[in-house]
Amino acid sequence: MHPHGKYRTGDMIAVRSRGPIAWGVRWVTDFRNSYAGEWVANHIAFVIRRSDGEYFVYESLGSRGVVTTPLEDWFARKPDCKVFRPLPHLNSDARRAFAKCATKYEGRKYESWWSFLKIAFDQNKAGDSRLFCSEYYARCAYEACVLDKSPLFISNVEPDELVDLAEAFWERIVLYKPPRAI
């Protein structure tokens, strides 16, 4: 189990999933490191503490768009993650702004799969009505003044670009690794 006290609103969760789509995202977005066998993220989610005190993971999924899942349930299904806290910017005002932005996008649709190429070629538009997973986090972080980047970067950010940024400037909370197969 993961004690709730460890997490805060705005904590970014970088995920390395299994499967052909996850592999394809990693390969397209960070070929050099994927080829070398390095840990490369293919999905971004984040933590929100709701007003009732419960912790949820917010994410934009290809099959369902923006969804929320109780934190413990989510981590039970996603064991290969890195969690980052955007310090020093994640103060109480930023957490409130982050949560407000996250709820604003609840129910928003995910980009179509073929649209993923728009990110790879920096052609995704900031005003698009659909959200990629990494774009969802970046928009919330930008509106909460946690991420100081251009709107073009925000709409075209790839999961592993956010991880590179987080590794360089933010605090890593924990790293989960799946158990090795016997």
N, C-alpha and C. Protein backbone atom coordinates (compact mmCIF):
# COMPACT_ATOMS: atom_id res chain seq x y z
N MET A 1 0.84 -1.18 0.00
CA MET A 1 0.00 0.00 0.00
C MET A 1 0.88 1.25 0.00
N HIS A 2 0.30 2.31 -0.45
CA HIS A 2 1.03 3.56 -0.56
C HIS A 2 0.39 4.57 0.38
N PRO A 3 1.12 4.95 1.40
CA PRO A 3 0.54 5.92 2.35
C PRO A 3 0.24 7.24 1.66
N HIS A 4 -0.97 7.73 1.87
CA HIS A 4 -1.39 8.96 1.20
C HIS A 4 -0.51 10.14 1.54
N GLY A 5 0.03 10.19 2.72
CA GLY A 5 0.86 11.32 3.11
C GLY A 5 2.06 11.53 2.21
N LYS A 6 2.41 10.52 1.46
CA LYS A 6 3.57 10.61 0.58
C LYS A 6 3.28 11.45 -0.66
N TYR A 7 2.02 11.55 -1.06
CA TYR A 7 1.66 12.20 -2.31
C TYR A 7 0.97 13.53 -2.09
N ARG A 8 1.09 14.39 -3.09
CA ARG A 8 0.43 15.70 -3.07
C ARG A 8 -0.18 15.97 -4.43
N THR A 9 -1.18 16.84 -4.43
CA THR A 9 -1.76 17.29 -5.68
C THR A 9 -0.66 17.85 -6.57
N GLY A 10 -0.67 17.45 -7.82
CA GLY A 10 0.33 17.92 -8.78
C GLY A 10 1.50 16.99 -8.97
N ASP A 11 1.65 15.97 -8.13
CA ASP A 11 2.73 15.02 -8.33
C ASP A 11 2.52 14.33 -9.67
N MET A 12 3.56 14.30 -10.47
CA MET A 12 3.49 13.70 -11.81
C MET A 12 3.92 12.25 -11.74
N ILE A 13 3.16 11.39 -12.39
CA ILE A 13 3.48 9.97 -12.44
C ILE A 13 3.85 9.62 -13.88
N ALA A 14 5.08 9.20 -14.07
CA ALA A 14 5.54 8.74 -15.39
C ALA A 14 5.44 7.22 -15.40
N VAL A 15 4.87 6.69 -16.47
CA VAL A 15 4.57 5.26 -16.53
C VAL A 15 5.27 4.62 -17.73
N ARG A 16 5.78 3.43 -17.49
CA ARG A 16 6.28 2.59 -18.58
C ARG A 16 5.41 1.35 -18.61
N SER A 17 4.50 1.33 -19.57
CA SER A 17 3.56 0.22 -19.71
C SER A 17 4.12 -0.83 -20.64
N ARG A 18 3.46 -1.97 -20.65
CA ARG A 18 3.82 -3.05 -21.58
C ARG A 18 2.82 -3.04 -22.72
N GLY A 19 3.17 -3.67 -23.80
CA GLY A 19 2.27 -3.79 -24.93
C GLY A 19 2.78 -3.05 -26.14
N PRO A 20 2.22 -3.36 -27.30
CA PRO A 20 2.73 -2.79 -28.55
C PRO A 20 2.52 -1.28 -28.68
N ILE A 21 1.42 -0.75 -28.19
CA ILE A 21 1.19 0.69 -28.29
C ILE A 21 2.18 1.43 -27.39
N ALA A 22 2.35 0.94 -26.17
CA ALA A 22 3.31 1.56 -25.24
C ALA A 22 4.72 1.52 -25.81
N TRP A 23 5.09 0.38 -26.36
CA TRP A 23 6.42 0.26 -26.97
C TRP A 23 6.55 1.26 -28.13
N GLY A 24 5.51 1.36 -28.95
CA GLY A 24 5.54 2.28 -30.09
C GLY A 24 5.70 3.73 -29.65
N VAL A 25 5.00 4.12 -28.60
CA VAL A 25 5.12 5.49 -28.09
C VAL A 25 6.55 5.74 -27.63
N ARG A 26 7.11 4.80 -26.87
CA ARG A 26 8.50 4.97 -26.39
C ARG A 26 9.48 5.04 -27.56
N TRP A 27 9.29 4.18 -28.54
CA TRP A 27 10.20 4.12 -29.67
C TRP A 27 10.15 5.40 -30.49
N VAL A 28 8.94 5.89 -30.77
CA VAL A 28 8.79 7.10 -31.58
C VAL A 28 9.30 8.33 -30.85
N THR A 29 9.01 8.44 -29.56
CA THR A 29 9.33 9.66 -28.84
C THR A 29 10.76 9.72 -28.31
N ASP A 30 11.40 8.58 -28.10
CA ASP A 30 12.77 8.60 -27.59
C ASP A 30 13.52 7.38 -28.12
N PHE A 31 13.69 7.34 -29.42
CA PHE A 31 14.29 6.19 -30.08
C PHE A 31 15.64 5.83 -29.49
N ARG A 32 16.51 6.82 -29.30
CA ARG A 32 17.87 6.55 -28.83
C ARG A 32 17.88 5.80 -27.50
N ASN A 33 17.13 6.30 -26.52
CA ASN A 33 17.12 5.65 -25.21
C ASN A 33 16.31 4.35 -25.21
N SER A 34 15.22 4.31 -25.97
CA SER A 34 14.45 3.07 -26.07
C SER A 34 15.31 1.96 -26.65
N TYR A 35 16.05 2.28 -27.70
CA TYR A 35 16.91 1.31 -28.36
C TYR A 35 18.00 0.82 -27.41
N ALA A 36 18.49 1.72 -26.55
CA ALA A 36 19.56 1.36 -25.62
C ALA A 36 19.04 0.62 -24.39
N GLY A 37 17.72 0.45 -24.30
CA GLY A 37 17.17 -0.29 -23.16
C GLY A 37 16.98 0.55 -21.92
N GLU A 38 17.07 1.87 -22.04
CA GLU A 38 16.87 2.76 -20.90
C GLU A 38 15.40 2.83 -20.52
N TRP A 39 15.14 3.32 -19.31
CA TRP A 39 13.76 3.51 -18.84
C TRP A 39 13.19 4.72 -19.56
N VAL A 40 12.18 4.52 -20.37
CA VAL A 40 11.54 5.59 -21.13
C VAL A 40 10.04 5.53 -20.85
N ALA A 41 9.46 6.66 -20.51
CA ALA A 41 8.02 6.73 -20.21
C ALA A 41 7.20 6.76 -21.48
N ASN A 42 6.02 6.14 -21.40
CA ASN A 42 5.09 6.23 -22.52
C ASN A 42 3.74 6.81 -22.09
N HIS A 43 3.61 7.16 -20.81
CA HIS A 43 2.34 7.68 -20.32
C HIS A 43 2.60 8.59 -19.12
N ILE A 44 1.76 9.61 -18.98
CA ILE A 44 1.83 10.53 -17.84
C ILE A 44 0.46 10.59 -17.18
N ALA A 45 0.47 10.53 -15.86
CA ALA A 45 -0.73 10.70 -15.04
C ALA A 45 -0.32 11.60 -13.88
N PHE A 46 -1.27 11.95 -13.02
CA PHE A 46 -0.90 12.78 -11.88
C PHE A 46 -1.89 12.61 -10.73
N VAL A 47 -1.44 13.06 -9.56
CA VAL A 47 -2.21 12.91 -8.33
C VAL A 47 -2.99 14.19 -8.04
N ILE A 48 -4.24 14.02 -7.61
CA ILE A 48 -5.07 15.12 -7.12
C ILE A 48 -5.69 14.69 -5.81
N ARG A 49 -5.56 15.53 -4.79
CA ARG A 49 -6.28 15.31 -3.54
C ARG A 49 -7.56 16.13 -3.64
N ARG A 50 -8.68 15.43 -3.62
CA ARG A 50 -9.97 16.11 -3.76
C ARG A 50 -10.37 16.79 -2.46
N SER A 51 -11.38 17.62 -2.53
CA SER A 51 -11.82 18.40 -1.37
C SER A 51 -12.28 17.51 -0.21
N ASP A 52 -12.69 16.27 -0.51
CA ASP A 52 -13.09 15.35 0.56
C ASP A 52 -11.90 14.64 1.20
N GLY A 53 -10.68 14.96 0.75
CA GLY A 53 -9.47 14.38 1.31
C GLY A 53 -9.01 13.10 0.63
N GLU A 54 -9.79 12.60 -0.31
CA GLU A 54 -9.42 11.38 -1.02
C GLU A 54 -8.43 11.70 -2.14
N TYR A 55 -7.52 10.75 -2.38
CA TYR A 55 -6.50 10.91 -3.42
C TYR A 55 -6.90 10.12 -4.66
N PHE A 56 -6.78 10.77 -5.82
CA PHE A 56 -7.11 10.14 -7.09
C PHE A 56 -5.99 10.38 -8.09
N VAL A 57 -5.89 9.47 -9.04
CA VAL A 57 -4.99 9.66 -10.17
C VAL A 57 -5.85 10.12 -11.35
N TYR A 58 -5.42 11.20 -11.97
CA TYR A 58 -6.07 11.76 -13.15
C TYR A 58 -5.18 11.45 -14.34
N GLU A 59 -5.82 11.07 -15.46
CA GLU A 59 -5.04 10.77 -16.66
C GLU A 59 -5.94 10.84 -17.88
N SER A 60 -5.32 11.00 -19.02
CA SER A 60 -6.05 10.96 -20.28
C SER A 60 -5.64 9.68 -20.99
N LEU A 61 -6.63 8.82 -21.22
CA LEU A 61 -6.39 7.51 -21.82
C LEU A 61 -6.95 7.45 -23.23
N GLY A 62 -6.26 6.74 -24.10
CA GLY A 62 -6.69 6.62 -25.48
C GLY A 62 -8.08 6.05 -25.64
N SER A 63 -8.45 5.14 -24.78
CA SER A 63 -9.74 4.48 -24.95
C SER A 63 -10.91 5.26 -24.33
N ARG A 64 -10.62 6.12 -23.33
CA ARG A 64 -11.71 6.76 -22.60
C ARG A 64 -11.57 8.25 -22.41
N GLY A 65 -10.47 8.84 -22.75
CA GLY A 65 -10.27 10.26 -22.49
C GLY A 65 -9.85 10.48 -21.03
N VAL A 66 -10.17 11.65 -20.50
CA VAL A 66 -9.78 11.99 -19.13
C VAL A 66 -10.62 11.19 -18.14
N VAL A 67 -9.93 10.45 -17.28
CA VAL A 67 -10.59 9.63 -16.26
C VAL A 67 -9.88 9.80 -14.93
N THR A 68 -10.57 9.41 -13.86
CA THR A 68 -9.98 9.43 -12.52
C THR A 68 -10.12 8.05 -11.89
N THR A 69 -9.13 7.70 -11.08
CA THR A 69 -9.11 6.40 -10.41
C THR A 69 -8.58 6.61 -9.00
N PRO A 70 -9.16 5.98 -7.98
CA PRO A 70 -8.58 6.07 -6.64
C PRO A 70 -7.10 5.68 -6.66
N LEU A 71 -6.30 6.43 -5.94
CA LEU A 71 -4.84 6.28 -5.97
C LEU A 71 -4.39 4.84 -5.74
N GLU A 72 -4.87 4.20 -4.68
CA GLU A 72 -4.41 2.85 -4.36
C GLU A 72 -4.81 1.86 -5.45
N ASP A 73 -6.00 2.00 -6.01
CA ASP A 73 -6.43 1.11 -7.10
C ASP A 73 -5.54 1.30 -8.32
N TRP A 74 -5.20 2.54 -8.60
CA TRP A 74 -4.38 2.83 -9.77
C TRP A 74 -2.99 2.21 -9.62
N PHE A 75 -2.34 2.43 -8.47
CA PHE A 75 -1.00 1.89 -8.28
C PHE A 75 -1.00 0.36 -8.24
N ALA A 76 -2.10 -0.25 -7.87
CA ALA A 76 -2.17 -1.71 -7.88
C ALA A 76 -2.08 -2.25 -9.31
N ARG A 77 -2.46 -1.45 -10.30
CA ARG A 77 -2.44 -1.88 -11.71
C ARG A 77 -1.23 -1.38 -12.48
N LYS A 78 -0.53 -0.38 -11.98
CA LYS A 78 0.57 0.25 -12.72
C LYS A 78 1.86 0.22 -11.90
N PRO A 79 2.55 -0.90 -11.90
CA PRO A 79 3.71 -1.01 -11.01
C PRO A 79 4.99 -0.35 -11.49
N ASP A 80 5.13 -0.02 -12.77
CA ASP A 80 6.40 0.48 -13.28
C ASP A 80 6.30 1.99 -13.52
N CYS A 81 6.52 2.76 -12.45
CA CYS A 81 6.32 4.21 -12.49
C CYS A 81 7.45 4.95 -11.78
N LYS A 82 7.57 6.20 -12.15
CA LYS A 82 8.39 7.16 -11.41
C LYS A 82 7.47 8.31 -11.04
N VAL A 83 7.54 8.76 -9.80
CA VAL A 83 6.69 9.84 -9.34
C VAL A 83 7.58 11.04 -9.02
N PHE A 84 7.19 12.20 -9.54
CA PHE A 84 7.97 13.42 -9.36
C PHE A 84 7.11 14.52 -8.76
N ARG A 85 7.74 15.34 -7.91
CA ARG A 85 7.08 16.51 -7.35
C ARG A 85 7.77 17.75 -7.90
N PRO A 86 6.99 18.64 -8.55
CA PRO A 86 7.58 19.83 -9.15
C PRO A 86 7.94 20.89 -8.11
N LEU A 87 9.00 20.66 -7.39
CA LEU A 87 9.48 21.63 -6.40
C LEU A 87 10.42 22.61 -7.09
N PRO A 88 10.49 23.83 -6.66
CA PRO A 88 9.89 24.44 -5.47
C PRO A 88 8.52 25.05 -5.72
N HIS A 89 7.96 24.81 -6.88
CA HIS A 89 6.74 25.51 -7.30
C HIS A 89 5.44 24.98 -6.74
N LEU A 90 5.44 23.82 -6.11
CA LEU A 90 4.19 23.18 -5.70
C LEU A 90 3.77 23.62 -4.29
N ASN A 91 3.42 24.89 -4.16
CA ASN A 91 2.92 25.38 -2.87
C ASN A 91 1.40 25.18 -2.81
N SER A 92 0.77 25.59 -1.73
CA SER A 92 -0.67 25.33 -1.57
C SER A 92 -1.51 26.05 -2.63
N ASP A 93 -1.14 27.26 -3.02
CA ASP A 93 -1.88 27.96 -4.07
C ASP A 93 -1.77 27.22 -5.40
N ALA A 94 -0.57 26.74 -5.72
CA ALA A 94 -0.37 26.00 -6.96
C ALA A 94 -1.15 24.69 -6.94
N ARG A 95 -1.20 24.02 -5.80
CA ARG A 95 -1.97 22.77 -5.72
C ARG A 95 -3.46 23.03 -5.96
N ARG A 96 -3.99 24.10 -5.40
CA ARG A 96 -5.40 24.43 -5.64
C ARG A 96 -5.65 24.74 -7.11
N ALA A 97 -4.77 25.51 -7.73
CA ALA A 97 -4.92 25.84 -9.14
C ALA A 97 -4.78 24.59 -10.01
N PHE A 98 -3.88 23.70 -9.64
CA PHE A 98 -3.68 22.45 -10.37
C PHE A 98 -4.96 21.61 -10.33
N ALA A 99 -5.54 21.47 -9.14
CA ALA A 99 -6.77 20.68 -8.99
C ALA A 99 -7.92 21.30 -9.76
N LYS A 100 -8.03 22.61 -9.74
CA LYS A 100 -9.10 23.30 -10.46
C LYS A 100 -8.96 23.05 -11.96
N CYS A 101 -7.77 23.13 -12.48
CA CYS A 101 -7.54 22.88 -13.90
C CYS A 101 -7.83 21.42 -14.24
N ALA A 102 -7.39 20.50 -13.40
CA ALA A 102 -7.61 19.08 -13.66
C ALA A 102 -9.09 18.75 -13.77
N THR A 103 -9.89 19.31 -12.87
CA THR A 103 -11.33 19.02 -12.91
C THR A 103 -12.00 19.69 -14.09
N LYS A 104 -11.44 20.80 -14.55
CA LYS A 104 -12.00 21.49 -15.72
C LYS A 104 -11.98 20.59 -16.96
N TYR A 105 -10.98 19.71 -17.04
CA TYR A 105 -10.84 18.85 -18.21
C TYR A 105 -11.46 17.46 -18.04
N GLU A 106 -12.10 17.19 -16.91
CA GLU A 106 -12.71 15.87 -16.72
C GLU A 106 -13.70 15.60 -17.85
N GLY A 107 -13.63 14.39 -18.39
CA GLY A 107 -14.51 14.01 -19.48
C GLY A 107 -14.01 14.37 -20.87
N ARG A 108 -12.93 15.14 -20.96
CA ARG A 108 -12.37 15.53 -22.26
C ARG A 108 -11.88 14.28 -23.00
N LYS A 109 -12.06 14.23 -24.28
CA LYS A 109 -11.65 13.09 -25.11
C LYS A 109 -10.15 13.10 -25.36
N TYR A 110 -9.62 11.92 -25.63
CA TYR A 110 -8.22 11.73 -26.01
C TYR A 110 -8.09 11.95 -27.51
N GLU A 111 -6.92 12.36 -27.92
CA GLU A 111 -6.65 12.49 -29.35
C GLU A 111 -6.79 11.13 -30.03
N SER A 112 -7.12 11.12 -31.30
CA SER A 112 -7.16 9.86 -32.04
C SER A 112 -5.73 9.33 -32.15
N TRP A 113 -5.61 8.02 -32.29
CA TRP A 113 -4.28 7.40 -32.31
C TRP A 113 -3.42 7.92 -33.46
N TRP A 114 -4.01 8.13 -34.62
CA TRP A 114 -3.20 8.62 -35.73
C TRP A 114 -2.71 10.05 -35.47
N SER A 115 -3.41 10.75 -34.59
CA SER A 115 -3.02 12.13 -34.27
C SER A 115 -1.73 12.18 -33.46
N PHE A 116 -1.30 11.02 -32.94
CA PHE A 116 -0.05 11.00 -32.19
C PHE A 116 1.11 11.54 -33.02
N LEU A 117 1.03 11.37 -34.32
CA LEU A 117 2.08 11.89 -35.18
C LEU A 117 2.15 13.42 -35.12
N LYS A 118 1.04 14.07 -34.74
CA LYS A 118 1.06 15.53 -34.61
C LYS A 118 2.06 15.95 -33.53
N ILE A 119 2.11 15.20 -32.45
CA ILE A 119 3.08 15.53 -31.40
C ILE A 119 4.50 15.28 -31.91
N ALA A 120 4.71 14.15 -32.54
CA ALA A 120 6.05 13.80 -33.02
C ALA A 120 6.62 14.85 -33.96
N PHE A 121 5.74 15.55 -34.69
CA PHE A 121 6.20 16.58 -35.63
C PHE A 121 5.83 17.99 -35.18
N ASP A 122 5.55 18.17 -33.88
CA ASP A 122 5.22 19.47 -33.29
C ASP A 122 4.08 20.18 -34.02
N GLN A 123 3.05 19.44 -34.39
CA GLN A 123 1.92 20.01 -35.13
C GLN A 123 0.63 20.01 -34.32
N ASN A 124 0.68 19.60 -33.06
CA ASN A 124 -0.52 19.63 -32.23
C ASN A 124 -0.81 21.07 -31.85
N LYS A 125 -2.05 21.47 -31.85
CA LYS A 125 -2.42 22.85 -31.56
C LYS A 125 -2.87 23.00 -30.12
N ALA A 126 -2.48 24.10 -29.50
CA ALA A 126 -2.80 24.34 -28.09
C ALA A 126 -4.30 24.43 -27.86
N GLY A 127 -5.07 24.80 -28.86
CA GLY A 127 -6.50 24.95 -28.69
C GLY A 127 -7.31 23.71 -29.02
N ASP A 128 -6.64 22.62 -29.34
CA ASP A 128 -7.35 21.38 -29.67
C ASP A 128 -8.30 21.00 -28.54
N SER A 129 -9.42 20.43 -28.91
CA SER A 129 -10.42 20.05 -27.91
C SER A 129 -10.14 18.69 -27.29
N ARG A 130 -9.13 17.99 -27.77
CA ARG A 130 -8.77 16.68 -27.24
C ARG A 130 -7.39 16.76 -26.59
N LEU A 131 -7.11 15.83 -25.66
CA LEU A 131 -5.87 15.91 -24.89
C LEU A 131 -5.08 14.61 -24.91
N PHE A 132 -3.80 14.71 -25.20
CA PHE A 132 -2.88 13.61 -24.96
C PHE A 132 -2.58 13.57 -23.46
N CYS A 133 -2.09 12.45 -22.96
CA CYS A 133 -1.82 12.32 -21.52
C CYS A 133 -0.81 13.35 -21.03
N SER A 134 0.29 13.50 -21.75
CA SER A 134 1.33 14.44 -21.33
C SER A 134 0.86 15.88 -21.48
N GLU A 135 0.05 16.13 -22.48
CA GLU A 135 -0.50 17.48 -22.68
C GLU A 135 -1.44 17.85 -21.53
N TYR A 136 -2.20 16.89 -21.04
CA TYR A 136 -3.11 17.13 -19.92
C TYR A 136 -2.33 17.59 -18.69
N TYR A 137 -1.26 16.85 -18.36
CA TYR A 137 -0.45 17.25 -17.21
C TYR A 137 0.18 18.62 -17.45
N ALA A 138 0.74 18.83 -18.63
CA ALA A 138 1.43 20.08 -18.92
C ALA A 138 0.48 21.28 -18.85
N ARG A 139 -0.75 21.13 -19.35
CA ARG A 139 -1.72 22.23 -19.26
C ARG A 139 -2.03 22.57 -17.81
N CYS A 140 -2.25 21.55 -17.00
CA CYS A 140 -2.55 21.81 -15.58
C CYS A 140 -1.36 22.44 -14.87
N ALA A 141 -0.17 21.95 -15.15
CA ALA A 141 1.04 22.50 -14.53
C ALA A 141 1.27 23.94 -14.97
N TYR A 142 1.02 24.23 -16.23
CA TYR A 142 1.18 25.58 -16.75
C TYR A 142 0.19 26.54 -16.08
N GLU A 143 -1.08 26.13 -16.00
CA GLU A 143 -2.10 26.99 -15.40
C GLU A 143 -1.87 27.20 -13.91
N ALA A 144 -1.19 26.25 -13.27
CA ALA A 144 -0.88 26.37 -11.84
C ALA A 144 0.46 27.05 -11.62
N CYS A 145 1.09 27.53 -12.69
CA CYS A 145 2.39 28.20 -12.64
C CYS A 145 3.49 27.29 -12.10
N VAL A 146 3.35 25.99 -12.37
CA VAL A 146 4.36 25.01 -11.97
C VAL A 146 5.32 24.75 -13.13
N LEU A 147 4.84 24.93 -14.34
CA LEU A 147 5.62 24.67 -15.54
C LEU A 147 5.66 25.95 -16.36
N ASP A 148 6.84 26.47 -16.56
CA ASP A 148 7.01 27.72 -17.30
C ASP A 148 7.52 27.39 -18.70
N LYS A 149 6.61 27.04 -19.58
CA LYS A 149 6.96 26.69 -20.95
C LYS A 149 5.99 27.37 -21.89
N SER A 150 6.30 27.34 -23.16
CA SER A 150 5.41 27.95 -24.15
C SER A 150 4.20 27.06 -24.41
N PRO A 151 3.07 27.66 -24.83
CA PRO A 151 1.90 26.85 -25.18
C PRO A 151 2.20 25.82 -26.27
N LEU A 152 3.13 26.12 -27.19
CA LEU A 152 3.49 25.15 -28.22
C LEU A 152 4.14 23.93 -27.59
N PHE A 153 5.05 24.13 -26.63
CA PHE A 153 5.67 23.01 -25.93
C PHE A 153 4.61 22.19 -25.21
N ILE A 154 3.70 22.87 -24.54
CA ILE A 154 2.68 22.19 -23.74
C ILE A 154 1.82 21.28 -24.62
N SER A 155 1.41 21.76 -25.77
CA SER A 155 0.53 20.96 -26.63
C SER A 155 1.29 19.85 -27.35
N ASN A 156 2.60 19.95 -27.46
CA ASN A 156 3.38 18.96 -28.19
C ASN A 156 4.34 18.17 -27.30
N VAL A 157 4.21 18.29 -26.00
CA VAL A 157 5.13 17.61 -25.09
C VAL A 157 4.87 16.11 -25.10
N GLU A 158 5.94 15.36 -25.14
CA GLU A 158 5.88 13.90 -25.11
C GLU A 158 6.12 13.43 -23.68
N PRO A 159 5.63 12.26 -23.32
CA PRO A 159 5.81 11.77 -21.94
C PRO A 159 7.27 11.82 -21.47
N ASP A 160 8.18 11.35 -22.31
CA ASP A 160 9.56 11.29 -21.85
C ASP A 160 10.22 12.67 -21.76
N GLU A 161 9.70 13.66 -22.49
CA GLU A 161 10.21 15.03 -22.32
C GLU A 161 9.89 15.54 -20.92
N LEU A 162 8.69 15.24 -20.44
CA LEU A 162 8.34 15.64 -19.07
C LEU A 162 9.21 14.93 -18.05
N VAL A 163 9.53 13.67 -18.31
CA VAL A 163 10.41 12.93 -17.40
C VAL A 163 11.80 13.55 -17.39
N ASP A 164 12.32 13.89 -18.57
CA ASP A 164 13.64 14.54 -18.63
C ASP A 164 13.65 15.84 -17.83
N LEU A 165 12.61 16.64 -17.97
CA LEU A 165 12.48 17.88 -17.21
C LEU A 165 12.43 17.58 -15.72
N ALA A 166 11.61 16.61 -15.34
CA ALA A 166 11.45 16.26 -13.93
C ALA A 166 12.75 15.72 -13.34
N GLU A 167 13.45 14.88 -14.07
CA GLU A 167 14.73 14.33 -13.58
C GLU A 167 15.73 15.45 -13.32
N ALA A 168 15.69 16.49 -14.15
CA ALA A 168 16.66 17.58 -14.02
C ALA A 168 16.31 18.57 -12.91
N PHE A 169 15.00 18.82 -12.67
CA PHE A 169 14.64 19.93 -11.80
C PHE A 169 13.73 19.61 -10.62
N TRP A 170 13.08 18.46 -10.61
CA TRP A 170 12.09 18.17 -9.58
C TRP A 170 12.56 17.07 -8.65
N GLU A 171 11.83 16.89 -7.59
CA GLU A 171 12.15 15.84 -6.62
C GLU A 171 11.48 14.53 -7.05
N ARG A 172 12.27 13.45 -7.07
CA ARG A 172 11.67 12.14 -7.34
C ARG A 172 11.15 11.58 -6.02
N ILE A 173 9.88 11.19 -6.02
CA ILE A 173 9.26 10.69 -4.81
C ILE A 173 9.54 9.22 -4.61
N VAL A 174 9.34 8.44 -5.65
CA VAL A 174 9.53 6.99 -5.50
C VAL A 174 9.61 6.37 -6.89
N LEU A 175 10.23 5.23 -6.98
CA LEU A 175 10.30 4.48 -8.23
C LEU A 175 9.73 3.10 -7.99
N TYR A 176 8.77 2.72 -8.78
CA TYR A 176 8.19 1.39 -8.70
C TYR A 176 8.69 0.56 -9.86
N LYS A 177 9.05 -0.66 -9.58
CA LYS A 177 9.46 -1.57 -10.65
C LYS A 177 8.65 -2.84 -10.53
N PRO A 178 8.26 -3.38 -11.69
CA PRO A 178 7.50 -4.62 -11.63
C PRO A 178 8.38 -5.78 -11.15
N PRO A 179 7.80 -6.78 -10.52
CA PRO A 179 8.60 -7.94 -10.11
C PRO A 179 9.10 -8.68 -11.33
N ARG A 180 10.27 -9.25 -11.22
CA ARG A 180 10.83 -10.01 -12.33
C ARG A 180 10.11 -11.34 -12.47
N ALA A 181 9.90 -11.73 -13.71
CA ALA A 181 9.28 -13.03 -13.97
C ALA A 181 10.29 -14.14 -13.63
N ILE A 182 9.78 -15.21 -13.10
CA ILE A 182 10.68 -16.33 -12.73
C ILE A 182 10.75 -17.31 -13.87
